[in-house]
Amino acid sequence: LDRLRLEHQNELQASLTNIEKERDQI
């Protein structure tokens, strides 16, 4: 559960980073 939570947090962070990059690119 901790690993999944960490992976989910990492994925959320990565998604957030990608969204921010896409936002900046847009």
PDB file of all heavy atoms in Angstrom:
ATOM      1  N   LEU A   1       0.824  -1.203   0.000  1.00  0.00           N
ATOM      2  CA  LEU A   1       0.000   0.000   0.000  1.00  0.00           C
ATOM      3  C   LEU A   1       0.860   1.256   0.000  1.00  0.00           C
ATOM      4  O   LEU A   1       0.585   2.215  -0.732  1.00  0.00           O
ATOM      5  CB  LEU A   1      -0.934  -0.014   1.197  1.00  0.00           C
ATOM      6  CG  LEU A   1      -1.907   1.164   1.343  1.00  0.00           C
ATOM      7  CD1 LEU A   1      -2.844   1.228   0.149  1.00  0.00           C
ATOM      8  CD2 LEU A   1      -2.695   1.038   2.635  1.00  0.00           C
ATOM      9  N   ASP A   2       1.925   1.222   0.836  1.00  0.00           N
ATOM     10  CA  ASP A   2       2.837   2.372   0.865  1.00  0.00           C
ATOM     11  C   ASP A   2       3.510   2.582  -0.485  1.00  0.00           C
ATOM     12  O   ASP A   2       3.669   3.718  -0.956  1.00  0.00           O
ATOM     13  CB  ASP A   2       3.879   2.171   1.961  1.00  0.00           C
ATOM     14  CG  ASP A   2       3.264   2.163   3.349  1.00  0.00           C
ATOM     15  OD1 ASP A   2       2.149   2.732   3.509  1.00  0.00           O
ATOM     16  OD2 ASP A   2       3.877   1.577   4.276  1.00  0.00           O
ATOM     17  N   ARG A   3       3.928   1.424  -1.105  1.00  0.00           N
ATOM     18  CA  ARG A   3       4.572   1.525  -2.413  1.00  0.00           C
ATOM     19  C   ARG A   3       3.608   2.082  -3.458  1.00  0.00           C
ATOM     20  O   ARG A   3       3.974   2.948  -4.262  1.00  0.00           O
ATOM     21  CB  ARG A   3       5.081   0.151  -2.843  1.00  0.00           C
ATOM     22  CG  ARG A   3       5.896   0.181  -4.140  1.00  0.00           C
ATOM     23  CD  ARG A   3       6.497  -1.170  -4.472  1.00  0.00           C
ATOM     24  NE  ARG A   3       5.480  -2.143  -4.801  1.00  0.00           N
ATOM     25  CZ  ARG A   3       5.120  -3.123  -3.963  1.00  0.00           C
ATOM     26  NH1 ARG A   3       5.712  -3.257  -2.774  1.00  0.00           N
ATOM     27  NH2 ARG A   3       4.189  -3.986  -4.336  1.00  0.00           N
ATOM     28  N   LEU A   4       2.361   1.545  -3.446  1.00  0.00           N
ATOM     29  CA  LEU A   4       1.367   2.041  -4.389  1.00  0.00           C
ATOM     30  C   LEU A   4       1.060   3.511  -4.154  1.00  0.00           C
ATOM     31  O   LEU A   4       0.892   4.284  -5.101  1.00  0.00           O
ATOM     32  CB  LEU A   4       0.089   1.202  -4.292  1.00  0.00           C
ATOM     33  CG  LEU A   4       0.190  -0.248  -4.779  1.00  0.00           C
ATOM     34  CD1 LEU A   4      -1.110  -0.989  -4.486  1.00  0.00           C
ATOM     35  CD2 LEU A   4       0.474  -0.282  -6.275  1.00  0.00           C
ATOM     36  N   ARG A   5       0.988   3.872  -2.853  1.00  0.00           N
ATOM     37  CA  ARG A   5       0.737   5.277  -2.535  1.00  0.00           C
ATOM     38  C   ARG A   5       1.875   6.163  -3.049  1.00  0.00           C
ATOM     39  O   ARG A   5       1.636   7.241  -3.616  1.00  0.00           O
ATOM     40  CB  ARG A   5       0.588   5.441  -1.023  1.00  0.00           C
ATOM     41  CG  ARG A   5       0.181   6.859  -0.614  1.00  0.00           C
ATOM     42  CD  ARG A   5       0.105   7.014   0.885  1.00  0.00           C
ATOM     43  NE  ARG A   5      -1.003   6.260   1.455  1.00  0.00           N
ATOM     44  CZ  ARG A   5      -0.865   5.155   2.183  1.00  0.00           C
ATOM     45  NH1 ARG A   5       0.353   4.694   2.460  1.00  0.00           N
ATOM     46  NH2 ARG A   5      -1.916   4.533   2.667  1.00  0.00           N
ATOM     47  N   LEU A   6       3.123   5.651  -2.861  1.00  0.00           N
ATOM     48  CA  LEU A   6       4.274   6.409  -3.343  1.00  0.00           C
ATOM     49  C   LEU A   6       4.276   6.499  -4.865  1.00  0.00           C
ATOM     50  O   LEU A   6       4.534   7.562  -5.445  1.00  0.00           O
ATOM     51  CB  LEU A   6       5.565   5.754  -2.856  1.00  0.00           C
ATOM     52  CG  LEU A   6       6.878   6.454  -3.236  1.00  0.00           C
ATOM     53  CD1 LEU A   6       6.917   7.862  -2.673  1.00  0.00           C
ATOM     54  CD2 LEU A   6       8.077   5.641  -2.732  1.00  0.00           C
ATOM     55  N   GLU A   7       3.986   5.324  -5.526  1.00  0.00           N
ATOM     56  CA  GLU A   7       3.920   5.333  -6.987  1.00  0.00           C
ATOM     57  C   GLU A   7       2.828   6.275  -7.476  1.00  0.00           C
ATOM     58  O   GLU A   7       3.011   7.015  -8.452  1.00  0.00           O
ATOM     59  CB  GLU A   7       3.680   3.920  -7.501  1.00  0.00           C
ATOM     60  CG  GLU A   7       4.868   2.977  -7.297  1.00  0.00           C
ATOM     61  CD  GLU A   7       4.562   1.570  -7.758  1.00  0.00           C
ATOM     62  OE1 GLU A   7       3.388   1.333  -8.169  1.00  0.00           O
ATOM     63  OE2 GLU A   7       5.460   0.707  -7.719  1.00  0.00           O
ATOM     64  N   HIS A   8       1.670   6.215  -6.778  1.00  0.00           N
ATOM     65  CA  HIS A   8       0.574   7.107  -7.160  1.00  0.00           C
ATOM     66  C   HIS A   8       0.961   8.566  -6.984  1.00  0.00           C
ATOM     67  O   HIS A   8       0.672   9.402  -7.851  1.00  0.00           O
ATOM     68  CB  HIS A   8      -0.654   6.772  -6.322  1.00  0.00           C
ATOM     69  CG  HIS A   8      -1.865   7.572  -6.683  1.00  0.00           C
ATOM     70  ND1 HIS A   8      -2.471   7.492  -7.928  1.00  0.00           N
ATOM     71  CD2 HIS A   8      -2.596   8.474  -5.968  1.00  0.00           C
ATOM     72  CE1 HIS A   8      -3.505   8.319  -7.962  1.00  0.00           C
ATOM     73  NE2 HIS A   8      -3.606   8.911  -6.786  1.00  0.00           N
ATOM     74  N   GLN A   9       1.658   8.854  -5.872  1.00  0.00           N
ATOM     75  CA  GLN A   9       2.119  10.212  -5.664  1.00  0.00           C
ATOM     76  C   GLN A   9       3.117  10.635  -6.741  1.00  0.00           C
ATOM     77  O   GLN A   9       3.060  11.763  -7.249  1.00  0.00           O
ATOM     78  CB  GLN A   9       2.753  10.326  -4.277  1.00  0.00           C
ATOM     79  CG  GLN A   9       1.745  10.220  -3.133  1.00  0.00           C
ATOM     80  CD  GLN A   9       2.415  10.272  -1.779  1.00  0.00           C
ATOM     81  OE1 GLN A   9       3.647  10.299  -1.684  1.00  0.00           O
ATOM     82  NE2 GLN A   9       1.611  10.308  -0.706  1.00  0.00           N
ATOM     83  N   ASN A  10       4.033   9.660  -7.082  1.00  0.00           N
ATOM     84  CA  ASN A  10       5.001   9.968  -8.139  1.00  0.00           C
ATOM     85  C   ASN A  10       4.305  10.202  -9.472  1.00  0.00           C
ATOM     86  O   ASN A  10       4.664  11.105 -10.234  1.00  0.00           O
ATOM     87  CB  ASN A  10       6.024   8.841  -8.258  1.00  0.00           C
ATOM     88  CG  ASN A  10       6.907   8.731  -7.027  1.00  0.00           C
ATOM     89  OD1 ASN A  10       7.138   9.710  -6.321  1.00  0.00           O
ATOM     90  ND2 ASN A  10       7.400   7.519  -6.752  1.00  0.00           N
ATOM     91  N   GLU A  11       3.289   9.309  -9.756  1.00  0.00           N
ATOM     92  CA  GLU A  11       2.548   9.479 -11.000  1.00  0.00           C
ATOM     93  C   GLU A  11       1.799  10.804 -11.017  1.00  0.00           C
ATOM     94  O   GLU A  11       1.765  11.504 -12.038  1.00  0.00           O
ATOM     95  CB  GLU A  11       1.581   8.313 -11.188  1.00  0.00           C
ATOM     96  CG  GLU A  11       2.261   6.989 -11.495  1.00  0.00           C
ATOM     97  CD  GLU A  11       1.271   5.842 -11.618  1.00  0.00           C
ATOM     98  OE1 GLU A  11       0.061   6.100 -11.376  1.00  0.00           O
ATOM     99  OE2 GLU A  11       1.683   4.717 -11.930  1.00  0.00           O
ATOM    100  N   LEU A  12       1.195  11.122  -9.867  1.00  0.00           N
ATOM    101  CA  LEU A  12       0.498  12.398  -9.792  1.00  0.00           C
ATOM    102  C   LEU A  12       1.470  13.558  -9.988  1.00  0.00           C
ATOM    103  O   LEU A  12       1.168  14.534 -10.684  1.00  0.00           O
ATOM    104  CB  LEU A  12      -0.216  12.515  -8.443  1.00  0.00           C
ATOM    105  CG  LEU A  12      -1.456  11.650  -8.236  1.00  0.00           C
ATOM    106  CD1 LEU A  12      -1.997  11.807  -6.825  1.00  0.00           C
ATOM    107  CD2 LEU A  12      -2.545  12.021  -9.247  1.00  0.00           C
ATOM    108  N   GLN A  13       2.655  13.425  -9.351  1.00  0.00           N
ATOM    109  CA  GLN A  13       3.644  14.478  -9.497  1.00  0.00           C
ATOM    110  C   GLN A  13       4.120  14.596 -10.940  1.00  0.00           C
ATOM    111  O   GLN A  13       4.277  15.703 -11.475  1.00  0.00           O
ATOM    112  CB  GLN A  13       4.833  14.206  -8.569  1.00  0.00           C
ATOM    113  CG  GLN A  13       5.871  15.326  -8.539  1.00  0.00           C
ATOM    114  CD  GLN A  13       5.284  16.610  -7.964  1.00  0.00           C
ATOM    115  OE1 GLN A  13       4.464  16.585  -7.073  1.00  0.00           O
ATOM    116  NE2 GLN A  13       5.734  17.750  -8.512  1.00  0.00           N
ATOM    117  N   ALA A  14       4.362  13.374 -11.565  1.00  0.00           N
ATOM    118  CA  ALA A  14       4.783  13.382 -12.962  1.00  0.00           C
ATOM    119  C   ALA A  14       3.695  13.966 -13.857  1.00  0.00           C
ATOM    120  O   ALA A  14       3.975  14.754 -14.767  1.00  0.00           O
ATOM    121  CB  ALA A  14       5.146  11.964 -13.413  1.00  0.00           C
ATOM    122  N   SER A  15       2.427  13.539 -13.593  1.00  0.00           N
ATOM    123  CA  SER A  15       1.323  14.073 -14.377  1.00  0.00           C
ATOM    124  C   SER A  15       1.205  15.577 -14.191  1.00  0.00           C
ATOM    125  O   SER A  15       0.981  16.328 -15.153  1.00  0.00           O
ATOM    126  CB  SER A  15       0.025  13.379 -13.978  1.00  0.00           C
ATOM    127  OG  SER A  15       0.079  11.990 -14.203  1.00  0.00           O
ATOM    128  N   LEU A  16       1.367  15.992 -12.932  1.00  0.00           N
ATOM    129  CA  LEU A  16       1.303  17.416 -12.654  1.00  0.00           C
ATOM    130  C   LEU A  16       2.423  18.165 -13.371  1.00  0.00           C
ATOM    131  O   LEU A  16       2.198  19.243 -13.941  1.00  0.00           O
ATOM    132  CB  LEU A  16       1.385  17.655 -11.143  1.00  0.00           C
ATOM    133  CG  LEU A  16       1.280  19.105 -10.672  1.00  0.00           C
ATOM    134  CD1 LEU A  16      -0.063  19.699 -11.085  1.00  0.00           C
ATOM    135  CD2 LEU A  16       1.450  19.191  -9.149  1.00  0.00           C
ATOM    136  N   THR A  17       3.630  17.531 -13.351  1.00  0.00           N
ATOM    137  CA  THR A  17       4.758  18.148 -14.049  1.00  0.00           C
ATOM    138  C   THR A  17       4.497  18.240 -15.547  1.00  0.00           C
ATOM    139  O   THR A  17       4.762  19.263 -16.188  1.00  0.00           O
ATOM    140  CB  THR A  17       6.033  17.347 -13.778  1.00  0.00           C
ATOM    141  OG1 THR A  17       6.262  17.255 -12.363  1.00  0.00           O
ATOM    142  CG2 THR A  17       7.227  18.002 -14.441  1.00  0.00           C
ATOM    143  N   ASN A  18       3.965  17.103 -16.112  1.00  0.00           N
ATOM    144  CA  ASN A  18       3.651  17.102 -17.544  1.00  0.00           C
ATOM    145  C   ASN A  18       2.580  18.132 -17.880  1.00  0.00           C
ATOM    146  O   ASN A  18       2.661  18.818 -18.911  1.00  0.00           O
ATOM    147  CB  ASN A  18       3.198  15.713 -17.979  1.00  0.00           C
ATOM    148  CG  ASN A  18       4.313  14.684 -17.913  1.00  0.00           C
ATOM    149  OD1 ASN A  18       5.488  15.023 -18.080  1.00  0.00           O
ATOM    150  ND2 ASN A  18       3.950  13.427 -17.659  1.00  0.00           N
ATOM    151  N   ILE A  19       1.575  18.211 -16.999  1.00  0.00           N
ATOM    152  CA  ILE A  19       0.512  19.193 -17.222  1.00  0.00           C
ATOM    153  C   ILE A  19       1.074  20.607 -17.184  1.00  0.00           C
ATOM    154  O   ILE A  19       0.722  21.454 -18.004  1.00  0.00           O
ATOM    155  CB  ILE A  19      -0.609  19.005 -16.196  1.00  0.00           C
ATOM    156  CG1 ILE A  19      -1.350  17.688 -16.447  1.00  0.00           C
ATOM    157  CG2 ILE A  19      -1.591  20.167 -16.240  1.00  0.00           C
ATOM    158  CD1 ILE A  19      -2.352  17.319 -15.371  1.00  0.00           C
ATOM    159  N   GLU A  20       1.975  20.837 -16.208  1.00  0.00           N
ATOM    160  CA  GLU A  20       2.594  22.152 -16.124  1.00  0.00           C
ATOM    161  C   GLU A  20       3.429  22.449 -17.361  1.00  0.00           C
ATOM    162  O   GLU A  20       3.421  23.569 -17.884  1.00  0.00           O
ATOM    163  CB  GLU A  20       3.444  22.233 -14.860  1.00  0.00           C
ATOM    164  CG  GLU A  20       2.627  22.228 -13.571  1.00  0.00           C
ATOM    165  CD  GLU A  20       3.508  22.245 -12.337  1.00  0.00           C
ATOM    166  OE1 GLU A  20       4.745  22.081 -12.497  1.00  0.00           O
ATOM    167  OE2 GLU A  20       2.969  22.410 -11.217  1.00  0.00           O
ATOM    168  N   LYS A  21       4.196  21.377 -17.834  1.00  0.00           N
ATOM    169  CA  LYS A  21       4.972  21.566 -19.051  1.00  0.00           C
ATOM    170  C   LYS A  21       4.070  21.868 -20.238  1.00  0.00           C
ATOM    171  O   LYS A  21       4.345  22.763 -21.040  1.00  0.00           O
ATOM    172  CB  LYS A  21       5.814  20.329 -19.323  1.00  0.00           C
ATOM    173  CG  LYS A  21       6.972  20.133 -18.358  1.00  0.00           C
ATOM    174  CD  LYS A  21       7.779  18.897 -18.732  1.00  0.00           C
ATOM    175  CE  LYS A  21       8.955  18.700 -17.776  1.00  0.00           C
ATOM    176  NZ  LYS A  21       9.725  17.468 -18.129  1.00  0.00           N
ATOM    177  N   GLU A  22       2.973  21.040 -20.373  1.00  0.00           N
ATOM    178  CA  GLU A  22       2.035  21.286 -21.458  1.00  0.00           C
ATOM    179  C   GLU A  22       1.418  22.669 -21.358  1.00  0.00           C
ATOM    180  O   GLU A  22       1.234  23.345 -22.370  1.00  0.00           O
ATOM    181  CB  GLU A  22       0.953  20.205 -21.442  1.00  0.00           C
ATOM    182  CG  GLU A  22       1.452  18.811 -21.814  1.00  0.00           C
ATOM    183  CD  GLU A  22       0.354  17.777 -21.749  1.00  0.00           C
ATOM    184  OE1 GLU A  22      -0.773  18.151 -21.361  1.00  0.00           O
ATOM    185  OE2 GLU A  22       0.613  16.599 -22.078  1.00  0.00           O
ATOM    186  N   ARG A  23       1.107  23.059 -20.100  1.00  0.00           N
ATOM    187  CA  ARG A  23       0.545  24.395 -19.911  1.00  0.00           C
ATOM    188  C   ARG A  23       1.530  25.461 -20.370  1.00  0.00           C
ATOM    189  O   ARG A  23       1.164  26.408 -21.082  1.00  0.00           O
ATOM    190  CB  ARG A  23       0.193  24.591 -18.433  1.00  0.00           C
ATOM    191  CG  ARG A  23      -0.439  25.941 -18.114  1.00  0.00           C
ATOM    192  CD  ARG A  23      -0.325  26.219 -16.630  1.00  0.00           C
ATOM    193  NE  ARG A  23       1.064  26.264 -16.211  1.00  0.00           N
ATOM    194  CZ  ARG A  23       1.449  26.273 -14.921  1.00  0.00           C
ATOM    195  NH1 ARG A  23       0.553  26.223 -13.941  1.00  0.00           N
ATOM    196  NH2 ARG A  23       2.759  26.329 -14.634  1.00  0.00           N
ATOM    197  N   ASP A  24       2.810  25.258 -19.938  1.00  0.00           N
ATOM    198  CA  ASP A  24       3.834  26.224 -20.346  1.00  0.00           C
ATOM    199  C   ASP A  24       4.018  26.229 -21.852  1.00  0.00           C
ATOM    200  O   ASP A  24       4.168  27.294 -22.477  1.00  0.00           O
ATOM    201  CB  ASP A  24       5.158  25.911 -19.647  1.00  0.00           C
ATOM    202  CG  ASP A  24       5.069  26.079 -18.133  1.00  0.00           C
ATOM    203  OD1 ASP A  24       4.173  26.825 -17.678  1.00  0.00           O
ATOM    204  OD2 ASP A  24       5.885  25.458 -17.414  1.00  0.00           O
ATOM    205  N   GLN A  25       4.022  24.983 -22.453  1.00  0.00           N
ATOM    206  CA  GLN A  25       4.156  24.904 -23.900  1.00  0.00           C
ATOM    207  C   GLN A  25       3.001  25.584 -24.607  1.00  0.00           C
ATOM    208  O   GLN A  25       3.187  26.293 -25.600  1.00  0.00           O
ATOM    209  CB  GLN A  25       4.256  23.444 -24.327  1.00  0.00           C
ATOM    210  CG  GLN A  25       5.550  22.754 -23.919  1.00  0.00           C
ATOM    211  CD  GLN A  25       5.577  21.293 -24.319  1.00  0.00           C
ATOM    212  OE1 GLN A  25       4.591  20.771 -24.839  1.00  0.00           O
ATOM    213  NE2 GLN A  25       6.693  20.620 -24.060  1.00  0.00           N
ATOM    214  N   ILE A  26       1.768  25.324 -24.081  1.00  0.00           N
ATOM    215  CA  ILE A  26       0.593  25.960 -24.686  1.00  0.00           C
ATOM    216  C   ILE A  26       0.671  27.472 -24.561  1.00  0.00           C
ATOM    217  O   ILE A  26       0.370  28.203 -25.508  1.00  0.00           O
ATOM    218  CB  ILE A  26      -0.696  25.413 -24.044  1.00  0.00           C
ATOM    219  CG1 ILE A  26      -0.886  23.942 -24.424  1.00  0.00           C
ATOM    220  CG2 ILE A  26      -1.907  26.230 -24.481  1.00  0.00           C
ATOM    221  CD1 ILE A  26      -2.024  23.267 -23.680  1.00  0.00           C
TER     222      ILE A  26
END
